[in-house]
C-alpha atoms as a PDB file:
ATOM      1  CA  UNK A   1      18.663   0.528 -25.532  1.00  0.00           C
ATOM      2  CA  UNK A   2      18.478  -2.128 -28.278  1.00  0.00           C
ATOM      3  CA  UNK A   3      15.495  -1.560 -30.592  1.00  0.00           C
ATOM      4  CA  UNK A   4      12.825  -4.255 -30.747  1.00  0.00           C
ATOM      5  CA  UNK A   5      11.032  -5.037 -34.024  1.00  0.00           C
ATOM      6  CA  UNK A   6       7.624  -3.393 -33.681  1.00  0.00           C
ATOM      7  CA  UNK A   7       5.700  -5.916 -35.793  1.00  0.00           C
ATOM      8  CA  UNK A   8       7.149  -8.908 -33.966  1.00  0.00           C
ATOM      9  CA  UNK A   9       6.547  -7.389 -30.520  1.00  0.00           C
ATOM     10  CA  UNK A  10       3.011  -6.315 -31.386  1.00  0.00           C
ATOM     11  CA  UNK A  11       2.094  -9.773 -32.695  1.00  0.00           C
ATOM     12  CA  UNK A  12       3.592 -11.422 -29.597  1.00  0.00           C
ATOM     13  CA  UNK A  13       1.608  -9.096 -27.326  1.00  0.00           C
ATOM     14  CA  UNK A  14      -1.617  -9.775 -29.237  1.00  0.00           C
ATOM     15  CA  UNK A  15      -0.979 -13.507 -29.163  1.00  0.00           C
ATOM     16  CA  UNK A  16      -0.582 -13.546 -25.374  1.00  0.00           C
ATOM     17  CA  UNK A  17      -3.658 -11.379 -24.939  1.00  0.00           C
ATOM     18  CA  UNK A  18      -5.895 -13.481 -27.198  1.00  0.00           C
ATOM     19  CA  UNK A  19      -4.393 -16.922 -26.735  1.00  0.00           C
ATOM     20  CA  UNK A  20      -3.395 -17.060 -30.459  1.00  0.00           C
ATOM     21  CA  UNK A  21      -0.015 -17.956 -31.925  1.00  0.00           C
ATOM     22  CA  UNK A  22       2.190 -15.035 -33.085  1.00  0.00           C
ATOM     23  CA  UNK A  23       1.944 -16.191 -36.710  1.00  0.00           C
ATOM     24  CA  UNK A  24      -1.856 -16.542 -36.595  1.00  0.00           C
ATOM     25  CA  UNK A  25      -4.075 -14.415 -38.815  1.00  0.00           C
ATOM     26  CA  UNK A  26      -6.674 -14.106 -36.048  1.00  0.00           C
ATOM     27  CA  UNK A  27      -7.871 -10.532 -35.607  1.00  0.00           C
ATOM     28  CA  UNK A  28      -7.098  -9.236 -32.134  1.00  0.00           C
ATOM     29  CA  UNK A  29      -8.380  -6.332 -30.047  1.00  0.00           C
ATOM     30  CA  UNK A  30      -6.345  -3.166 -29.796  1.00  0.00           C
ATOM     31  CA  UNK A  31      -2.864  -4.111 -28.607  1.00  0.00           C
ATOM     32  CA  UNK A  32      -0.854  -2.444 -25.897  1.00  0.00           C
ATOM     33  CA  UNK A  33       1.256  -0.724 -28.571  1.00  0.00           C
ATOM     34  CA  UNK A  34      -1.902   0.778 -30.120  1.00  0.00           C
ATOM     35  CA  UNK A  35      -2.655   2.313 -26.743  1.00  0.00           C
ATOM     36  CA  UNK A  36       0.906   3.653 -26.497  1.00  0.00           C
ATOM     37  CA  UNK A  37       0.579   5.245 -29.968  1.00  0.00           C
ATOM     38  CA  UNK A  38      -2.725   6.821 -29.027  1.00  0.00           C
ATOM     39  CA  UNK A  39      -1.134   8.591 -26.066  1.00  0.00           C
ATOM     40  CA  UNK A  40       2.065   9.434 -28.008  1.00  0.00           C
ATOM     41  CA  UNK A  41       4.418   7.557 -25.665  1.00  0.00           C
ATOM     42  CA  UNK A  42       8.135   7.830 -26.668  1.00  0.00           C
ATOM     43  CA  UNK A  43       9.275   4.983 -28.920  1.00  0.00           C
ATOM     44  CA  UNK A  44      11.758   3.586 -26.412  1.00  0.00           C
ATOM     45  CA  UNK A  45       8.986   3.503 -23.768  1.00  0.00           C
ATOM     46  CA  UNK A  46       6.832   1.438 -26.113  1.00  0.00           C
ATOM     47  CA  UNK A  47       9.436  -1.299 -26.458  1.00  0.00           C
ATOM     48  CA  UNK A  48      10.277  -1.316 -22.736  1.00  0.00           C
ATOM     49  CA  UNK A  49       6.647  -1.390 -21.557  1.00  0.00           C
ATOM     50  CA  UNK A  50       5.765  -4.055 -24.132  1.00  0.00           C
ATOM     51  CA  UNK A  51       8.499  -6.315 -22.788  1.00  0.00           C
ATOM     52  CA  UNK A  52       7.249  -5.767 -19.230  1.00  0.00           C
ATOM     53  CA  UNK A  53       3.731  -6.663 -20.310  1.00  0.00           C
ATOM     54  CA  UNK A  54       4.877  -9.860 -22.028  1.00  0.00           C
ATOM     55  CA  UNK A  55       6.866 -10.908 -18.943  1.00  0.00           C
ATOM     56  CA  UNK A  56       3.924 -10.196 -16.644  1.00  0.00           C
ATOM     57  CA  UNK A  57       1.516 -12.189 -18.809  1.00  0.00           C
ATOM     58  CA  UNK A  58       3.881 -15.150 -18.958  1.00  0.00           C
ATOM     59  CA  UNK A  59       3.727 -15.464 -15.167  1.00  0.00           C
ATOM     60  CA  UNK A  60       0.036 -14.698 -14.726  1.00  0.00           C
ATOM     61  CA  UNK A  61      -3.113 -15.875 -16.465  1.00  0.00           C
ATOM     62  CA  UNK A  62      -5.772 -13.119 -16.363  1.00  0.00           C
ATOM     63  CA  UNK A  63      -8.831 -13.992 -14.305  1.00  0.00           C
ATOM     64  CA  UNK A  64      -7.236 -17.057 -12.682  1.00  0.00           C
ATOM     65  CA  UNK A  65      -6.283 -16.726  -9.022  1.00  0.00           C
ATOM     66  CA  UNK A  66      -4.866 -19.861  -7.376  1.00  0.00           C
ATOM     67  CA  UNK A  67      -6.698 -20.742  -4.196  1.00  0.00           C
ATOM     68  CA  UNK A  68      -5.611 -22.925  -1.336  1.00  0.00           C
ATOM     69  CA  UNK A  69      -7.878 -25.876  -0.652  1.00  0.00           C
ATOM     70  CA  UNK A  70      -9.736 -25.233   2.587  1.00  0.00           C
ATOM     71  CA  UNK A  71      -9.038 -27.755   5.331  1.00  0.00           C
ATOM     72  CA  UNK A  72     -11.991 -30.027   6.029  1.00  0.00           C
ATOM     73  CA  UNK A  73     -13.943 -29.261   9.182  1.00  0.00           C
ATOM     74  CA  UNK A  74     -15.301 -32.238  11.097  1.00  0.00           C
ATOM     75  CA  UNK A  75     -18.260 -32.255  13.482  1.00  0.00           C
ATOM     76  CA  UNK A  76     -18.894 -34.940  16.095  1.00  0.00           C
ATOM     77  CA  UNK A  77     -22.447 -36.166  16.704  1.00  0.00           C
ATOM     78  CA  UNK A  78     -22.704 -38.295  19.842  1.00  0.00           C
ATOM     79  CA  UNK A  79     -25.202 -39.502  22.410  1.00  0.00           C
ATOM     80  CA  UNK A  80     -24.099 -38.432  25.901  1.00  0.00           C
ATOM     81  CA  UNK A  81     -24.232 -41.760  27.700  1.00  0.00           C
ATOM     82  CA  UNK A  82     -22.938 -40.244  30.950  1.00  0.00           C
ATOM     83  CA  UNK A  83     -26.040 -38.031  31.021  1.00  0.00           C
ATOM     84  CA  UNK A  84     -28.419 -40.956  30.321  1.00  0.00           C
ATOM     85  CA  UNK A  85     -29.334 -39.518  26.919  1.00  0.00           C
ATOM     86  CA  UNK A  86     -30.890 -41.734  24.246  1.00  0.00           C
ATOM     87  CA  UNK A  87     -30.753 -39.507  21.174  1.00  0.00           C
ATOM     88  CA  UNK A  88     -28.528 -36.929  19.505  1.00  0.00           C
ATOM     89  CA  UNK A  89     -29.111 -34.516  16.628  1.00  0.00           C
ATOM     90  CA  UNK A  90     -26.878 -32.033  14.836  1.00  0.00           C
ATOM     91  CA  UNK A  91     -26.999 -30.088  11.556  1.00  0.00           C
ATOM     92  CA  UNK A  92     -23.777 -30.034   9.534  1.00  0.00           C
ATOM     93  CA  UNK A  93     -23.615 -28.000   6.295  1.00  0.00           C
ATOM     94  CA  UNK A  94     -27.391 -28.190   5.838  1.00  0.00           C
ATOM     95  CA  UNK A  95     -27.676 -31.902   6.631  1.00  0.00           C
ATOM     96  CA  UNK A  96     -29.386 -32.939   9.872  1.00  0.00           C
ATOM     97  CA  UNK A  97     -27.837 -36.075  11.354  1.00  0.00           C
ATOM     98  CA  UNK A  98     -29.799 -37.983  13.999  1.00  0.00           C
ATOM     99  CA  UNK A  99     -28.772 -40.847  16.274  1.00  0.00           C
ATOM    100  CA  UNK A 100     -31.703 -42.564  17.979  1.00  0.00           C
ATOM    101  CA  UNK A 101     -31.794 -45.511  20.380  1.00  0.00           C
ATOM    102  CA  UNK A 102     -33.778 -48.464  19.039  1.00  0.00           C
ATOM    103  CA  UNK A 103     -36.518 -50.283  20.923  1.00  0.00           C
ATOM    104  CA  UNK A 104     -34.062 -53.118  21.662  1.00  0.00           C
ATOM    105  CA  UNK A 105     -32.119 -50.645  23.858  1.00  0.00           C
ATOM    106  CA  UNK A 106     -28.898 -51.889  22.281  1.00  0.00           C
ATOM    107  CA  UNK A 107     -28.458 -50.544  18.753  1.00  0.00           C
ATOM    108  CA  UNK A 108     -28.885 -47.039  17.331  1.00  0.00           C
ATOM    109  CA  UNK A 109     -30.482 -45.876  14.099  1.00  0.00           C
ATOM    110  CA  UNK A 110     -28.507 -43.179  12.276  1.00  0.00           C
ATOM    111  CA  UNK A 111     -30.313 -41.031   9.701  1.00  0.00           C
ATOM    112  CA  UNK A 112     -29.523 -38.016   7.522  1.00  0.00           C
ATOM    113  CA  UNK A 113     -31.990 -35.424   6.261  1.00  0.00           C
ATOM    114  CA  UNK A 114     -31.361 -32.696   3.700  1.00  0.00           C
ATOM    115  CA  UNK A 115     -33.946 -30.651   1.775  1.00  0.00           C
ATOM    116  CA  UNK A 116     -36.765 -32.832   3.139  1.00  0.00           C
ATOM    117  CA  UNK A 117     -35.057 -36.004   1.902  1.00  0.00           C
ATOM    118  CA  UNK A 118     -34.493 -38.449   4.756  1.00  0.00           C
ATOM    119  CA  UNK A 119     -32.178 -41.446   4.495  1.00  0.00           C
ATOM    120  CA  UNK A 120     -31.514 -44.248   6.975  1.00  0.00           C
ATOM    121  CA  UNK A 121     -27.775 -44.894   7.116  1.00  0.00           C
ATOM    122  CA  UNK A 122     -27.870 -47.856   9.512  1.00  0.00           C
ATOM    123  CA  UNK A 123     -30.125 -49.433  12.137  1.00  0.00           C
ATOM    124  CA  UNK A 124     -27.236 -51.046  14.004  1.00  0.00           C
ATOM    125  CA  UNK A 125     -25.036 -48.039  14.625  1.00  0.00           C
ATOM    126  CA  UNK A 126     -22.768 -46.958  17.457  1.00  0.00           C
ATOM    127  CA  UNK A 127     -23.948 -43.770  19.230  1.00  0.00           C
ATOM    128  CA  UNK A 128     -21.143 -41.615  17.809  1.00  0.00           C
ATOM    129  CA  UNK A 129     -20.437 -40.484  14.264  1.00  0.00           C
ATOM    130  CA  UNK A 130     -18.527 -37.724  12.484  1.00  0.00           C
ATOM    131  CA  UNK A 131     -19.376 -35.600   9.440  1.00  0.00           C
ATOM    132  CA  UNK A 132     -17.590 -33.041   7.277  1.00  0.00           C
ATOM    133  CA  UNK A 133     -20.825 -32.119   5.479  1.00  0.00           C
ATOM    134  CA  UNK A 134     -20.097 -34.378   2.494  1.00  0.00           C
ATOM    135  CA  UNK A 135     -19.405 -37.695   4.180  1.00  0.00           C
ATOM    136  CA  UNK A 136     -20.634 -39.417   7.309  1.00  0.00           C
ATOM    137  CA  UNK A 137     -18.236 -41.616   9.265  1.00  0.00           C
ATOM    138  CA  UNK A 138     -19.990 -44.158  11.484  1.00  0.00           C
ATOM    139  CA  UNK A 139     -19.671 -47.642  12.984  1.00  0.00           C
ATOM    140  CA  UNK A 140     -22.106 -50.482  12.318  1.00  0.00           C
ATOM    141  CA  UNK A 141     -22.407 -53.610  14.447  1.00  0.00           C
ATOM    142  CA  UNK A 142     -22.040 -56.923  12.636  1.00  0.00           C
ATOM    143  CA  UNK A 143     -23.388 -60.383  13.494  1.00  0.00           C
ATOM    144  CA  UNK A 144     -20.160 -61.307  15.330  1.00  0.00           C
ATOM    145  CA  UNK A 145     -20.632 -58.387  17.735  1.00  0.00           C
ATOM    146  CA  UNK A 146     -17.761 -56.397  16.212  1.00  0.00           C
ATOM    147  CA  UNK A 147     -18.115 -52.999  14.554  1.00  0.00           C
ATOM    148  CA  UNK A 148     -17.104 -51.917  11.059  1.00  0.00           C
ATOM    149  CA  UNK A 149     -16.306 -48.261  10.391  1.00  0.00           C
ATOM    150  CA  UNK A 150     -17.789 -46.901   7.165  1.00  0.00           C
ATOM    151  CA  UNK A 151     -17.588 -43.685   5.163  1.00  0.00           C
ATOM    152  CA  UNK A 152     -20.958 -42.871   3.595  1.00  0.00           C
ATOM    153  CA  UNK A 153     -21.529 -40.256   0.900  1.00  0.00           C
ATOM    154  CA  UNK A 154     -24.399 -38.113   2.184  1.00  0.00           C
ATOM    155  CA  UNK A 155     -25.704 -37.205  -1.282  1.00  0.00           C
ATOM    156  CA  UNK A 156     -25.619 -40.577  -3.029  1.00  0.00           C
ATOM    157  CA  UNK A 157     -25.840 -42.859  -0.015  1.00  0.00           C
ATOM    158  CA  UNK A 158     -22.962 -45.006  -1.247  1.00  0.00           C
ATOM    159  CA  UNK A 159     -20.610 -46.281   1.436  1.00  0.00           C
ATOM    160  CA  UNK A 160     -17.049 -47.519   1.720  1.00  0.00           C
ATOM    161  CA  UNK A 161     -15.578 -49.769   4.408  1.00  0.00           C
ATOM    162  CA  UNK A 162     -12.637 -48.248   6.277  1.00  0.00           C
ATOM    163  CA  UNK A 163     -11.930 -50.527   9.276  1.00  0.00           C
ATOM    164  CA  UNK A 164     -13.392 -53.869  10.407  1.00  0.00           C
ATOM    165  CA  UNK A 165     -13.045 -55.929  13.590  1.00  0.00           C
ATOM    166  CA  UNK A 166     -13.553 -52.965  15.928  1.00  0.00           C
ATOM    167  CA  UNK A 167     -14.558 -53.808  19.517  1.00  0.00           C
ATOM    168  CA  UNK A 168     -15.524 -50.307  20.573  1.00  0.00           C
ATOM    169  CA  UNK A 169     -15.514 -46.705  19.412  1.00  0.00           C
ATOM    170  CA  UNK A 170     -13.859 -44.710  22.185  1.00  0.00           C
ATOM    171  CA  UNK A 171     -14.140 -41.045  21.207  1.00  0.00           C
ATOM    172  CA  UNK A 172     -13.464 -38.548  18.420  1.00  0.00           C
ATOM    173  CA  UNK A 173     -11.680 -35.214  18.171  1.00  0.00           C
ATOM    174  CA  UNK A 174     -13.349 -34.546  14.826  1.00  0.00           C
ATOM    175  CA  UNK A 175     -10.604 -35.380  12.377  1.00  0.00           C
ATOM    176  CA  UNK A 176      -9.508 -38.404  14.410  1.00  0.00           C
ATOM    177  CA  UNK A 177     -11.735 -41.326  15.413  1.00  0.00           C
ATOM    178  CA  UNK A 178     -10.433 -43.472  18.284  1.00  0.00           C
ATOM    179  CA  UNK A 179     -11.241 -47.159  18.580  1.00  0.00           C
ATOM    180  CA  UNK A 180      -9.998 -50.401  20.156  1.00  0.00           C
ATOM    181  CA  UNK A 181      -9.515 -53.862  18.633  1.00  0.00           C
ATOM    182  CA  UNK A 182      -8.513 -57.271  20.055  1.00  0.00           C
ATOM    183  CA  UNK A 183      -9.905 -56.376  23.464  1.00  0.00           C
ATOM    184  CA  UNK A 184      -8.995 -58.780  26.270  1.00  0.00           C
ATOM    185  CA  UNK A 185     -11.392 -59.092  29.204  1.00  0.00           C
ATOM    186  CA  UNK A 186      -8.570 -60.508  31.318  1.00  0.00           C
ATOM    187  CA  UNK A 187      -6.314 -57.526  30.683  1.00  0.00           C
ATOM    188  CA  UNK A 188      -9.155 -54.987  30.368  1.00  0.00           C
ATOM    189  CA  UNK A 189      -7.310 -53.624  27.336  1.00  0.00           C
ATOM    190  CA  UNK A 190      -6.845 -53.920  23.608  1.00  0.00           C
ATOM    191  CA  UNK A 191      -4.999 -52.206  20.760  1.00  0.00           C
ATOM    192  CA  UNK A 192      -6.036 -48.566  20.448  1.00  0.00           C
ATOM    193  CA  UNK A 193      -5.857 -46.654  17.182  1.00  0.00           C
ATOM    194  CA  UNK A 194      -6.532 -43.164  15.851  1.00  0.00           C
ATOM    195  CA  UNK A 195      -8.170 -43.243  12.418  1.00  0.00           C
ATOM    196  CA  UNK A 196      -7.308 -40.083  10.475  1.00  0.00           C
ATOM    197  CA  UNK A 197     -10.527 -39.315   8.588  1.00  0.00           C
ATOM    198  CA  UNK A 198      -8.683 -36.963   6.245  1.00  0.00           C
ATOM    199  CA  UNK A 199      -5.933 -39.342   5.092  1.00  0.00           C
ATOM    200  CA  UNK A 200      -7.680 -42.617   6.101  1.00  0.00           C
ATOM    201  CA  UNK A 201      -4.490 -43.740   7.872  1.00  0.00           C
ATOM    202  CA  UNK A 202      -4.671 -45.781  11.080  1.00  0.00           C
ATOM    203  CA  UNK A 203      -2.206 -44.670  13.757  1.00  0.00           C
ATOM    204  CA  UNK A 204      -1.477 -47.137  16.554  1.00  0.00           C
ATOM    205  CA  UNK A 205      -1.539 -45.439  19.954  1.00  0.00           C
ATOM    206  CA  UNK A 206      -1.011 -47.942  22.775  1.00  0.00           C
ATOM    207  CA  UNK A 207      -2.573 -50.876  24.605  1.00  0.00           C
ATOM    208  CA  UNK A 208      -5.600 -49.665  26.563  1.00  0.00           C
ATOM    209  CA  UNK A 209      -9.382 -49.403  26.231  1.00  0.00           C
ATOM    210  CA  UNK A 210     -10.183 -45.980  27.566  1.00  0.00           C
ATOM    211  CA  UNK A 211      -9.461 -42.826  25.552  1.00  0.00           C
ATOM    212  CA  UNK A 212     -11.027 -39.427  26.090  1.00  0.00           C
ATOM    213  CA  UNK A 213     -10.466 -36.236  24.108  1.00  0.00           C
ATOM    214  CA  UNK A 214      -9.518 -33.440  26.498  1.00  0.00           C
ATOM    215  CA  UNK A 215      -8.712 -29.751  26.218  1.00  0.00           C
ATOM    216  CA  UNK A 216      -5.338 -28.569  24.998  1.00  0.00           C
ATOM    217  CA  UNK A 217      -5.478 -30.710  21.827  1.00  0.00           C
ATOM    218  CA  UNK A 218      -4.670 -33.879  23.757  1.00  0.00           C
ATOM    219  CA  UNK A 219      -6.210 -37.253  24.458  1.00  0.00           C
ATOM    220  CA  UNK A 220      -6.324 -38.889  27.888  1.00  0.00           C
ATOM    221  CA  UNK A 221      -5.618 -42.628  28.129  1.00  0.00           C
ATOM    222  CA  UNK A 222      -6.478 -44.759  31.169  1.00  0.00           C
ATOM    223  CA  UNK A 223      -5.265 -48.211  32.213  1.00  0.00           C
ATOM    224  CA  UNK A 224      -8.576 -48.921  33.920  1.00  0.00           C
ATOM    225  CA  UNK A 225      -8.978 -51.990  36.142  1.00  0.00           C
ATOM    226  CA  UNK A 226     -11.971 -52.665  38.389  1.00  0.00           C
ATOM    227  CA  UNK A 227      -9.882 -53.827  41.362  1.00  0.00           C
ATOM    228  CA  UNK A 228      -7.156 -51.191  41.160  1.00  0.00           C
ATOM    229  CA  UNK A 229      -7.778 -47.720  42.559  1.00  0.00           C
ATOM    230  CA  UNK A 230      -4.694 -45.810  41.452  1.00  0.00           C
ATOM    231  CA  UNK A 231      -4.688 -46.475  37.713  1.00  0.00           C
ATOM    232  CA  UNK A 232      -1.979 -45.307  35.333  1.00  0.00           C
ATOM    233  CA  UNK A 233      -3.047 -42.528  32.974  1.00  0.00           C
ATOM    234  CA  UNK A 234      -1.313 -41.001  29.974  1.00  0.00           C
ATOM    235  CA  UNK A 235      -1.696 -38.149  27.516  1.00  0.00           C
ATOM    236  CA  UNK A 236      -0.941 -38.100  23.785  1.00  0.00           C
ATOM    237  CA  UNK A 237      -1.346 -35.816  20.785  1.00  0.00           C
ATOM    238  CA  UNK A 238      -4.616 -35.980  18.833  1.00  0.00           C
ATOM    239  CA  UNK A 239      -3.015 -38.140  16.131  1.00  0.00           C
ATOM    240  CA  UNK A 240      -2.016 -40.684  18.792  1.00  0.00           C
ATOM    241  CA  UNK A 241       1.684 -39.873  18.883  1.00  0.00           C
ATOM    242  CA  UNK A 242       3.714 -38.737  21.883  1.00  0.00           C
ATOM    243  CA  UNK A 243       2.155 -41.080  24.470  1.00  0.00           C
ATOM    244  CA  UNK A 244       3.438 -40.070  27.905  1.00  0.00           C
ATOM    245  CA  UNK A 245       2.800 -41.593  31.333  1.00  0.00           C
ATOM    246  CA  UNK A 246       1.589 -38.849  33.682  1.00  0.00           C
ATOM    247  CA  UNK A 247       0.922 -40.597  37.008  1.00  0.00           C
ATOM    248  CA  UNK A 248      -1.351 -43.086  38.760  1.00  0.00           C
ATOM    249  CA  UNK A 249      -4.710 -41.947  40.071  1.00  0.00           C
ATOM    250  CA  UNK A 250      -8.025 -40.588  38.801  1.00  0.00           C
ATOM    251  CA  UNK A 251      -8.360 -37.470  36.643  1.00  0.00           C
ATOM    252  CA  UNK A 252     -11.305 -35.293  37.696  1.00  0.00           C
ATOM    253  CA  UNK A 253     -10.690 -32.025  35.823  1.00  0.00           C
ATOM    254  CA  UNK A 254      -8.754 -30.843  32.757  1.00  0.00           C
ATOM    255  CA  UNK A 255      -8.107 -27.300  31.522  1.00  0.00           C
ATOM    256  CA  UNK A 256      -6.156 -26.118  28.469  1.00  0.00           C
ATOM    257  CA  UNK A 257      -2.915 -26.289  30.433  1.00  0.00           C
ATOM    258  CA  UNK A 258      -3.459 -28.450  33.539  1.00  0.00           C
ATOM    259  CA  UNK A 259      -4.642 -31.855  34.709  1.00  0.00           C
ATOM    260  CA  UNK A 260      -6.219 -32.239  38.134  1.00  0.00           C
ATOM    261  CA  UNK A 261      -6.334 -35.718  39.664  1.00  0.00           C
ATOM    262  CA  UNK A 262      -6.415 -37.530  42.994  1.00  0.00           C
ATOM    263  CA  UNK A 263      -4.574 -40.505  44.436  1.00  0.00           C
ATOM    264  CA  UNK A 264      -5.763 -42.947  47.077  1.00  0.00           C
ATOM    265  CA  UNK A 265      -3.840 -44.195  50.119  1.00  0.00           C
ATOM    266  CA  UNK A 266      -4.923 -47.718  49.250  1.00  0.00           C
ATOM    267  CA  UNK A 267      -4.158 -49.440  45.964  1.00  0.00           C
ATOM    268  CA  UNK A 268      -6.842 -52.126  45.804  1.00  0.00           C
ATOM    269  CA  UNK A 269     -10.538 -52.213  46.589  1.00  0.00           C
ATOM    270  CA  UNK A 270     -13.042 -49.456  45.904  1.00  0.00           C
ATOM    271  CA  UNK A 271     -13.134 -45.702  46.328  1.00  0.00           C
ATOM    272  CA  UNK A 272     -15.878 -45.969  48.949  1.00  0.00           C
ATOM    273  CA  UNK A 273     -14.521 -44.414  52.176  1.00  0.00           C
ATOM    274  CA  UNK A 274     -11.050 -44.167  50.633  1.00  0.00           C
ATOM    275  CA  UNK A 275      -8.738 -41.343  51.672  1.00  0.00           C
ATOM    276  CA  UNK A 276      -7.509 -39.329  48.723  1.00  0.00           C
ATOM    277  CA  UNK A 277      -5.145 -36.441  48.025  1.00  0.00           C
ATOM    278  CA  UNK A 278      -5.528 -34.036  45.101  1.00  0.00           C
ATOM    279  CA  UNK A 279      -2.729 -33.139  42.684  1.00  0.00           C
ATOM    280  CA  UNK A 280      -2.196 -30.964  39.615  1.00  0.00           C
ATOM    281  CA  UNK A 281       0.315 -30.985  36.759  1.00  0.00           C
ATOM    282  CA  UNK A 282       0.752 -29.812  33.172  1.00  0.00           C
ATOM    283  CA  UNK A 283      -0.652 -31.765  30.206  1.00  0.00           C
ATOM    284  CA  UNK A 284       2.756 -33.390  29.828  1.00  0.00           C
ATOM    285  CA  UNK A 285       3.112 -34.273  33.526  1.00  0.00           C
ATOM    286  CA  UNK A 286       5.433 -31.430  34.469  1.00  0.00           C
ATOM    287  CA  UNK A 287       5.145 -29.324  37.644  1.00  0.00           C
ATOM    288  CA  UNK A 288       3.375 -31.966  39.711  1.00  0.00           C
ATOM    289  CA  UNK A 289       2.264 -30.815  43.132  1.00  0.00           C
ATOM    290  CA  UNK A 290      -0.216 -31.713  45.860  1.00  0.00           C
ATOM    291  CA  UNK A 291      -3.045 -29.188  46.146  1.00  0.00           C
ATOM    292  CA  UNK A 292      -4.836 -30.695  49.184  1.00  0.00           C
ATOM    293  CA  UNK A 293      -4.312 -32.822  52.264  1.00  0.00           C
ATOM    294  CA  UNK A 294      -5.808 -36.272  52.775  1.00  0.00           C
ATOM    295  CA  UNK A 295      -9.596 -36.236  52.617  1.00  0.00           C
ATOM    296  CA  UNK A 296     -12.563 -38.532  52.011  1.00  0.00           C
ATOM    297  CA  UNK A 297     -14.332 -36.018  49.787  1.00  0.00           C
ATOM    298  CA  UNK A 298     -14.009 -37.507  46.310  1.00  0.00           C
ATOM    299  CA  UNK A 299     -14.774 -35.307  43.265  1.00  0.00           C
ATOM    300  CA  UNK A 300     -17.637 -36.988  41.407  1.00  0.00           C
ATOM    301  CA  UNK A 301     -16.472 -35.526  38.094  1.00  0.00           C
ATOM    302  CA  UNK A 302     -13.778 -38.188  37.752  1.00  0.00           C
ATOM    303  CA  UNK A 303     -16.354 -40.522  36.179  1.00  0.00           C
ATOM    304  CA  UNK A 304     -16.546 -38.395  32.995  1.00  0.00           C
ATOM    305  CA  UNK A 305     -12.847 -39.076  32.309  1.00  0.00           C
ATOM    306  CA  UNK A 306     -13.127 -42.866  32.364  1.00  0.00           C
END
């Protein structure tokens, strides 16, 4: 094996260990070669092990371990309107977020409280917001009746506008906030989007006005119309992509792998005294099959999916 100059190798080793240049006069702690001499290692071992040490130190800085950035975790705080609730409260990373119905029975006051410090975020809020512990994402009603979605820093209270001209907040999966703009009362629909709270990108989904987060990491989309009984419904991924028509009817139950819905014999009118048949299928519409005969017993749970 080719011999390596001891002085040069020792200085290089000391320089890497102390952060000094090899030609520096800085005094260094005992080098690796000093340790080898102390234990009477063979000379050829000294050179070989010194080279290994230098190579190892070039590819690794002692005491520094790269860490992957943890993915943000989002919590949804919402008033359950289907259960006639007026308030909602949830603690996220030590901050208590409260949504409370105002005396006008129209707007909601959203507040944050941390370490006995309470802050009012808005007095004209929508009864749904999202937090990752550092920021609060919420919608505030403006004088024109439209909502603007803001990101507020919980510590400083500063806020940043994300989206304006929103007609309604539809739901949230946590990371994604679903909303509709340019709503038409004639069509009972508008342009639906998924706002990615992590990247702040707006993903267009489809034309509708009814989106519900369901199990199986999917969203349910309805083409609701007051005079039509069998309405078209779709599923899509949480980011709004992969919109797929499933069938026409009313969804009344969803599991992690199946959708349960019913269809009416009549197309127009109301569900009162209507004859219906129940069906099931996968979240993508596959394996459709009838699971009942015609009946007038309508599952009341369908209302939670509208």
